[in-house]
Amino acid sequence: MIRSVVRGIGSALPRRIMKNSDFAGMVETSDEWIAQRTGIRQRHIAADDETTASLGEAAARAALDNAGLTPDDIDLIVLATSTPNNTFPATAVEIQNRLGMRHGFAFDMQAVCSGFVYAVTTADLYIKGGLARRVLVIGSETFSRILDWTDRSTCVLFGDGAGALVLEAEEGQGTVADRGVLAASLRSDGTHKDKLYVDGGPSTSGTVGHLKMEGREVFKHAVGMITDVIEDVFARTGVSAETLDWFVPHQANKRIIDASAKKLGIAEEKAVVTVHLHGNTSAASVPLALSTAVADGRIKKGDLVMLEAMGGGFTWGAVLIRW
């Protein structure tokens, strides 16, 4: 059977680093308060000349270089983002143009923090369906643009950045020994919309709006939802917490990561954690963490890697990949 194998990975971060101490005088908070409750120490904030498209392009070029490929080798771009450059056209099309890619097709995917997991799953289906041989999957966000910088419950949590993967069709045997995407599980439940949302949009307010979140409610649901989809993937593949090599979760909150790993029986040392460096970068979160763990040599060819994320909507999902 056809498998979607990872050929390359890359990332990009804005130049400016904003540390917890930089919030002093802006909102009533402290480095200790933020770090204790979230695990975040710093985040990157995009300058005026850094956008979702420019960061996505940089991550895409890094992934292509890592794969030894050029834009001419790519058939499809799937961009996961909640902060597009424009209402339309899709920012994926802008990245396609920036890359000088004059063929194939490109589109955006909106599933908030789960966006990259949704995008990898979608790309896998396009590859298996024969509509694309190589797909550039990007998660890119500039969440700093939609934050209320007077709201300490949200402005300290988020950052900007981008990450990208190149997936390529390769023949496998149809077993978990194959390299590539092995299984995925996606969910959503719109009854939770008001727990994490942006209070603006073209069809309602005609404005971009600001991010609103009921933090305790999100935390309360997160662990159960995350473990639900991961256990589904475990059941369908025969993989277990013991046989898993790496757990790459959405980087929203260190407490959620720790509680999820504990509930699933995943050893603490198998969890890739970058929330202290990047904060919550929404759809860029998982590929940024992946890129970090590949670059420092933790994730190696043949490793079993579980990706998971949960975001506004609520949306949540998990993808198992043999690297």
Protein backbone atom coordinates (compact mmCIF):
# COMPACT_ATOMS: atom_id res chain seq x y z
CA MET A 1 0.00 0.00 0.00
CA ILE A 2 1.00 3.64 -0.40
CA ARG A 3 2.44 5.36 2.67
CA SER A 4 3.09 9.08 3.19
CA VAL A 5 6.73 9.18 4.31
CA VAL A 6 8.44 12.20 5.84
CA ARG A 7 11.20 13.39 3.51
CA GLY A 8 12.10 16.68 5.18
CA ILE A 9 11.31 19.03 8.05
CA GLY A 10 11.93 22.70 8.77
CA SER A 11 10.89 25.60 10.97
CA ALA A 12 11.00 29.39 11.24
CA LEU A 13 10.66 31.79 14.15
CA PRO A 14 10.29 35.57 14.35
CA ARG A 15 13.40 37.52 15.29
CA ARG A 16 11.99 39.03 18.49
CA ILE A 17 11.96 36.95 21.68
CA MET A 18 9.58 38.14 24.40
CA LYS A 19 10.39 36.80 27.86
CA ASN A 20 7.92 36.54 30.74
CA SER A 21 9.65 39.45 32.46
CA ASP A 22 8.77 41.67 29.48
CA PHE A 23 5.13 41.65 30.57
CA ALA A 24 5.97 43.67 33.68
CA GLY A 25 4.14 46.98 33.43
CA MET A 26 1.83 45.65 30.70
CA VAL A 27 -0.38 43.35 32.78
CA GLU A 28 -0.41 42.19 36.40
CA THR A 29 1.71 39.07 36.17
CA SER A 30 5.23 37.75 36.77
CA ASP A 31 7.70 35.26 35.37
CA GLU A 32 7.00 32.94 38.30
CA TRP A 33 3.20 33.15 37.85
CA ILE A 34 3.38 32.33 34.12
CA ALA A 35 6.03 29.60 34.43
CA GLN A 36 4.32 27.81 37.33
CA ARG A 37 0.93 27.65 35.63
CA THR A 38 1.99 27.01 32.04
CA GLY A 39 5.67 26.10 31.79
CA ILE A 40 6.21 29.01 29.38
CA ARG A 41 9.39 31.08 29.76
CA GLN A 42 9.44 32.97 26.46
CA ARG A 43 7.78 33.23 23.06
CA HIS A 44 8.61 34.75 19.65
CA ILE A 45 6.58 37.74 18.44
CA ALA A 46 6.34 38.69 14.77
CA ALA A 47 7.46 42.12 13.63
CA ASP A 48 5.44 44.12 11.09
CA ASP A 49 7.43 42.61 8.22
CA GLU A 50 6.95 39.04 9.51
CA THR A 51 3.64 37.44 8.55
CA THR A 52 2.01 34.02 8.47
CA ALA A 53 3.00 33.82 4.78
CA SER A 54 6.63 34.88 5.27
CA LEU A 55 7.16 32.54 8.23
CA GLY A 56 5.41 29.71 6.36
CA GLU A 57 7.62 30.30 3.32
CA ALA A 58 10.78 30.21 5.45
CA ALA A 59 9.72 26.96 7.16
CA ALA A 60 8.79 25.46 3.78
CA ARG A 61 12.17 26.33 2.27
CA ALA A 62 13.94 24.81 5.28
CA ALA A 63 11.90 21.59 4.89
CA LEU A 64 12.62 21.44 1.15
CA ASP A 65 16.35 21.94 1.77
CA ASN A 66 16.26 19.21 4.41
CA ALA A 67 14.56 16.89 1.90
CA GLY A 68 16.93 17.79 -0.93
CA LEU A 69 13.98 18.95 -3.03
CA THR A 70 12.80 22.12 -4.76
CA PRO A 71 9.32 23.69 -5.11
CA ASP A 72 9.15 22.06 -8.56
CA ASP A 73 8.98 18.67 -6.82
CA ILE A 74 5.86 19.56 -4.79
CA ASP A 75 2.30 18.83 -6.02
CA LEU A 76 0.26 20.27 -3.13
CA ILE A 77 0.62 22.72 -0.25
CA VAL A 78 -1.66 22.36 2.78
CA LEU A 79 -1.32 25.24 5.23
CA ALA A 80 -2.78 24.97 8.72
CA THR A 81 -3.47 28.43 10.14
CA SER A 82 -6.02 30.49 12.04
CA THR A 83 -4.22 33.75 11.28
CA PRO A 84 -4.15 34.07 7.48
CA ASN A 85 -2.59 37.06 5.76
CA ASN A 86 -5.96 37.88 4.18
CA THR A 87 -9.56 36.73 4.55
CA PHE A 88 -8.99 35.43 1.02
CA PRO A 89 -7.23 34.16 -1.00
CA ALA A 90 -5.79 31.30 1.00
CA THR A 91 -2.39 32.11 2.48
CA ALA A 92 -1.23 28.74 1.08
CA VAL A 93 -1.59 30.24 -2.40
CA GLU A 94 0.55 33.21 -1.36
CA ILE A 95 3.23 30.83 -0.07
CA GLN A 96 2.97 28.90 -3.34
CA ASN A 97 3.68 32.16 -5.21
CA ARG A 98 6.52 33.12 -2.85
CA LEU A 99 8.14 29.74 -3.53
CA GLY A 100 7.88 30.33 -7.28
CA MET A 101 5.67 27.25 -7.66
CA ARG A 102 3.59 27.58 -10.84
CA HIS A 103 1.91 24.18 -10.82
CA GLY A 104 -0.10 21.98 -8.47
CA PHE A 105 -2.56 23.38 -5.94
CA ALA A 106 -2.67 24.88 -2.46
CA PHE A 107 -5.25 25.54 0.24
CA ASP A 108 -5.61 26.54 3.90
CA MET A 109 -6.96 24.32 6.67
CA GLN A 110 -8.64 25.82 9.74
CA ALA A 111 -8.78 23.67 12.85
CA VAL A 112 -7.00 26.11 15.20
CA CYS A 113 -4.38 24.35 17.38
CA SER A 114 -5.29 20.96 15.85
CA GLY A 115 -4.67 22.33 12.38
CA PHE A 116 -1.33 20.64 11.71
CA VAL A 117 -2.64 17.22 12.78
CA TYR A 118 -5.67 17.73 10.53
CA ALA A 119 -3.39 18.90 7.68
CA VAL A 120 -1.04 15.90 7.91
CA THR A 121 -4.07 13.58 7.87
CA THR A 122 -5.52 15.40 4.85
CA ALA A 123 -2.22 15.33 2.97
CA ASP A 124 -1.93 11.60 3.66
CA LEU A 125 -5.35 11.02 2.08
CA TYR A 126 -4.45 13.07 -1.02
CA ILE A 127 -1.29 11.00 -1.42
CA LYS A 128 -3.10 7.70 -0.92
CA GLY A 129 -5.81 8.85 -3.33
CA GLY A 130 -3.22 9.48 -6.04
CA LEU A 131 -3.88 13.21 -6.37
CA ALA A 132 -0.41 14.19 -5.14
CA ARG A 133 2.95 12.48 -4.85
CA ARG A 134 4.70 15.05 -2.69
CA VAL A 135 2.94 17.41 -0.28
CA LEU A 136 4.27 20.35 1.68
CA VAL A 137 2.39 20.48 5.01
CA ILE A 138 2.84 23.75 6.89
CA GLY A 139 1.63 25.10 10.23
CA SER A 140 2.15 28.86 10.45
CA GLU A 141 0.67 31.39 12.86
CA THR A 142 0.92 35.01 13.98
CA PHE A 143 -1.36 34.77 17.01
CA SER A 144 0.14 37.96 18.43
CA ARG A 145 -2.08 39.80 15.91
CA ILE A 146 -5.31 38.57 17.57
CA LEU A 147 -4.34 38.91 21.25
CA ASP A 148 -5.80 41.41 23.70
CA TRP A 149 -2.56 42.64 25.30
CA THR A 150 -4.47 43.84 28.37
CA ASP A 151 -5.85 40.36 29.13
CA ARG A 152 -3.25 38.54 31.25
CA SER A 153 -5.16 35.24 31.03
CA THR A 154 -4.46 34.97 27.28
CA CYS A 155 -1.72 37.37 26.12
CA VAL A 156 1.03 35.56 28.07
CA LEU A 157 0.21 32.18 26.52
CA PHE A 158 0.69 32.58 22.78
CA GLY A 159 3.52 33.12 20.34
CA ASP A 160 4.27 33.15 16.61
CA GLY A 161 6.16 30.75 14.36
CA ALA A 162 5.98 28.13 11.62
CA GLY A 163 6.95 24.53 10.94
CA ALA A 164 6.74 22.34 7.84
CA LEU A 165 7.00 18.74 6.64
CA VAL A 166 7.48 17.27 3.19
CA LEU A 167 5.48 14.06 2.76
CA GLU A 168 6.18 11.74 -0.17
CA ALA A 169 4.39 8.66 -1.52
CA GLU A 170 6.30 5.44 -0.93
CA GLU A 171 5.24 1.83 -1.24
CA GLY A 172 4.82 -0.02 2.06
CA GLN A 173 3.76 -3.48 3.19
CA GLY A 174 0.67 -2.32 5.08
CA THR A 175 2.08 -3.08 8.52
CA VAL A 176 3.21 -0.87 11.42
CA ALA A 177 6.79 -1.63 10.36
CA ASP A 178 6.27 0.68 7.37
CA ARG A 179 7.70 4.18 7.42
CA GLY A 180 5.24 7.05 7.10
CA VAL A 181 1.79 7.94 8.40
CA LEU A 182 0.34 4.78 9.96
CA ALA A 183 -2.98 5.94 11.45
CA ALA A 184 -4.91 9.01 12.50
CA SER A 185 -7.94 9.87 14.61
CA LEU A 186 -9.74 13.23 14.34
CA ARG A 187 -12.63 14.67 16.35
CA SER A 188 -14.56 17.89 16.87
CA ASP A 189 -17.42 19.06 19.08
CA GLY A 190 -18.95 22.45 18.35
CA THR A 191 -20.86 22.58 21.64
CA HIS A 192 -17.63 23.88 23.21
CA LYS A 193 -17.19 26.80 20.77
CA ASP A 194 -17.58 29.54 23.40
CA LYS A 195 -14.78 28.12 25.56
CA LEU A 196 -12.05 29.11 23.09
CA TYR A 197 -12.78 31.45 20.19
CA VAL A 198 -12.09 34.82 18.55
CA ASP A 199 -14.84 37.41 19.00
CA GLY A 200 -14.71 38.71 15.43
CA GLY A 201 -15.03 37.68 11.81
CA PRO A 202 -16.11 38.91 8.35
CA SER A 203 -19.66 37.55 8.64
CA THR A 204 -20.36 38.70 12.21
CA SER A 205 -18.50 41.79 13.35
CA GLY A 206 -16.60 42.67 10.20
CA THR A 207 -13.46 42.83 12.35
CA VAL A 208 -10.57 40.49 13.10
CA GLY A 209 -11.44 40.35 16.82
CA HIS A 210 -9.49 39.07 19.82
CA LEU A 211 -8.91 35.64 21.29
CA LYS A 212 -11.17 34.71 24.23
CA MET A 213 -10.66 31.65 26.41
CA GLU A 214 -12.14 29.99 29.47
CA GLY A 215 -8.85 28.51 30.62
CA ARG A 216 -10.17 26.24 33.35
CA GLU A 217 -12.80 24.76 31.03
CA VAL A 218 -10.24 24.10 28.29
CA PHE A 219 -7.92 22.43 30.80
CA LYS A 220 -10.77 20.33 32.18
CA HIS A 221 -11.62 18.85 28.78
CA ALA A 222 -8.13 18.68 27.28
CA VAL A 223 -6.67 15.58 28.93
CA GLY A 224 -9.72 13.39 28.32
CA MET A 225 -10.06 14.42 24.68
CA ILE A 226 -6.37 14.01 23.92
CA THR A 227 -6.18 10.54 25.46
CA ASP A 228 -9.36 9.49 23.62
CA VAL A 229 -7.89 9.91 20.12
CA ILE A 230 -4.47 8.52 21.07
CA GLU A 231 -6.03 5.39 22.56
CA ASP A 232 -8.03 5.02 19.33
CA VAL A 233 -4.81 5.11 17.29
CA PHE A 234 -3.18 2.65 19.69
CA ALA A 235 -6.13 0.26 19.32
CA ARG A 236 -6.07 0.40 15.51
CA THR A 237 -2.32 -0.15 15.14
CA GLY A 238 -1.41 -2.37 18.08
CA VAL A 239 1.14 0.21 19.21
CA SER A 240 1.29 0.91 22.93
CA ALA A 241 2.74 3.52 25.25
CA GLU A 242 5.64 1.14 25.85
CA THR A 243 6.47 0.61 22.14
CA LEU A 244 6.06 4.30 21.26
CA ASP A 245 9.39 6.10 20.88
CA TRP A 246 8.28 9.73 21.03
CA PHE A 247 5.20 11.69 22.07
CA VAL A 248 4.98 15.12 20.38
CA PRO A 249 1.99 16.95 21.85
CA HIS A 250 0.53 20.36 21.15
CA GLN A 251 2.57 22.82 23.22
CA ALA A 252 -0.15 24.72 25.09
CA ASN A 253 0.55 24.02 28.74
CA LYS A 254 3.16 21.85 30.48
CA ARG A 255 0.56 20.65 32.99
CA ILE A 256 -1.68 19.33 30.20
CA ILE A 257 1.27 17.59 28.55
CA ASP A 258 2.33 15.95 31.82
CA ALA A 259 -1.21 14.88 32.77
CA SER A 260 -1.89 13.43 29.31
CA ALA A 261 1.35 11.44 29.25
CA LYS A 262 0.69 10.12 32.75
CA LYS A 263 -2.87 9.03 31.92
CA LEU A 264 -1.65 7.24 28.79
CA GLY A 265 1.29 5.60 30.57
CA ILE A 266 3.83 7.37 28.35
CA ALA A 267 7.17 7.81 30.08
CA GLU A 268 8.05 11.43 30.81
CA GLU A 269 11.33 11.20 28.90
CA LYS A 270 9.44 10.30 25.70
CA ALA A 271 7.53 13.59 25.64
CA VAL A 272 8.98 16.36 23.46
CA VAL A 273 8.42 19.66 25.26
CA THR A 274 9.17 23.07 23.74
CA VAL A 275 6.41 25.15 25.37
CA HIS A 276 9.04 26.92 27.50
CA LEU A 277 10.71 28.22 24.34
CA HIS A 278 7.79 29.00 22.03
CA GLY A 279 4.62 29.30 24.11
CA ASN A 280 1.42 28.19 22.36
CA THR A 281 1.91 28.73 18.60
CA SER A 282 -1.38 27.03 17.66
CA ALA A 283 -1.06 25.13 14.35
CA ALA A 284 2.72 25.77 14.32
CA SER A 285 3.16 24.15 17.73
CA VAL A 286 3.52 20.48 16.75
CA PRO A 287 5.83 20.98 13.73
CA LEU A 288 8.03 23.37 15.73
CA ALA A 289 8.39 20.73 18.47
CA LEU A 290 9.01 18.03 15.86
CA SER A 291 11.64 20.12 14.11
CA THR A 292 13.42 20.78 17.41
CA ALA A 293 13.54 17.07 18.32
CA VAL A 294 14.78 16.06 14.86
CA ALA A 295 17.43 18.78 14.83
CA ASP A 296 18.85 17.79 18.23
CA GLY A 297 18.98 14.12 17.25
CA ARG A 298 16.25 12.73 19.46
CA ILE A 299 13.90 11.64 16.69
CA LYS A 300 15.63 9.30 14.26
CA LYS A 301 14.69 7.29 11.19
CA GLY A 302 12.50 4.32 12.16
CA ASP A 303 11.18 5.86 15.39
CA LEU A 304 7.47 5.64 16.20
CA VAL A 305 6.20 9.17 16.80
CA MET A 306 2.74 10.16 18.08
CA LEU A 307 1.51 13.66 17.29
CA GLU A 308 -1.52 15.10 19.08
CA ALA A 309 -3.29 18.41 19.44
CA MET A 310 -6.47 20.04 20.73
CA GLY A 311 -7.81 23.43 19.76
CA GLY A 312 -10.77 25.77 19.62
CA GLY A 313 -14.00 24.37 18.33
CA PHE A 314 -13.25 22.06 20.09
CA THR A 315 -11.13 20.11 17.61
CA TRP A 316 -8.66 17.40 18.54
CA GLY A 317 -6.71 14.62 16.89
CA ALA A 318 -3.71 12.31 16.83
CA VAL A 319 -1.43 10.96 14.09
CA LEU A 320 1.05 8.08 14.37
CA ILE A 321 4.11 8.28 12.12
CA ARG A 322 7.08 5.98 11.71
CA TRP A 323 9.89 8.42 11.01
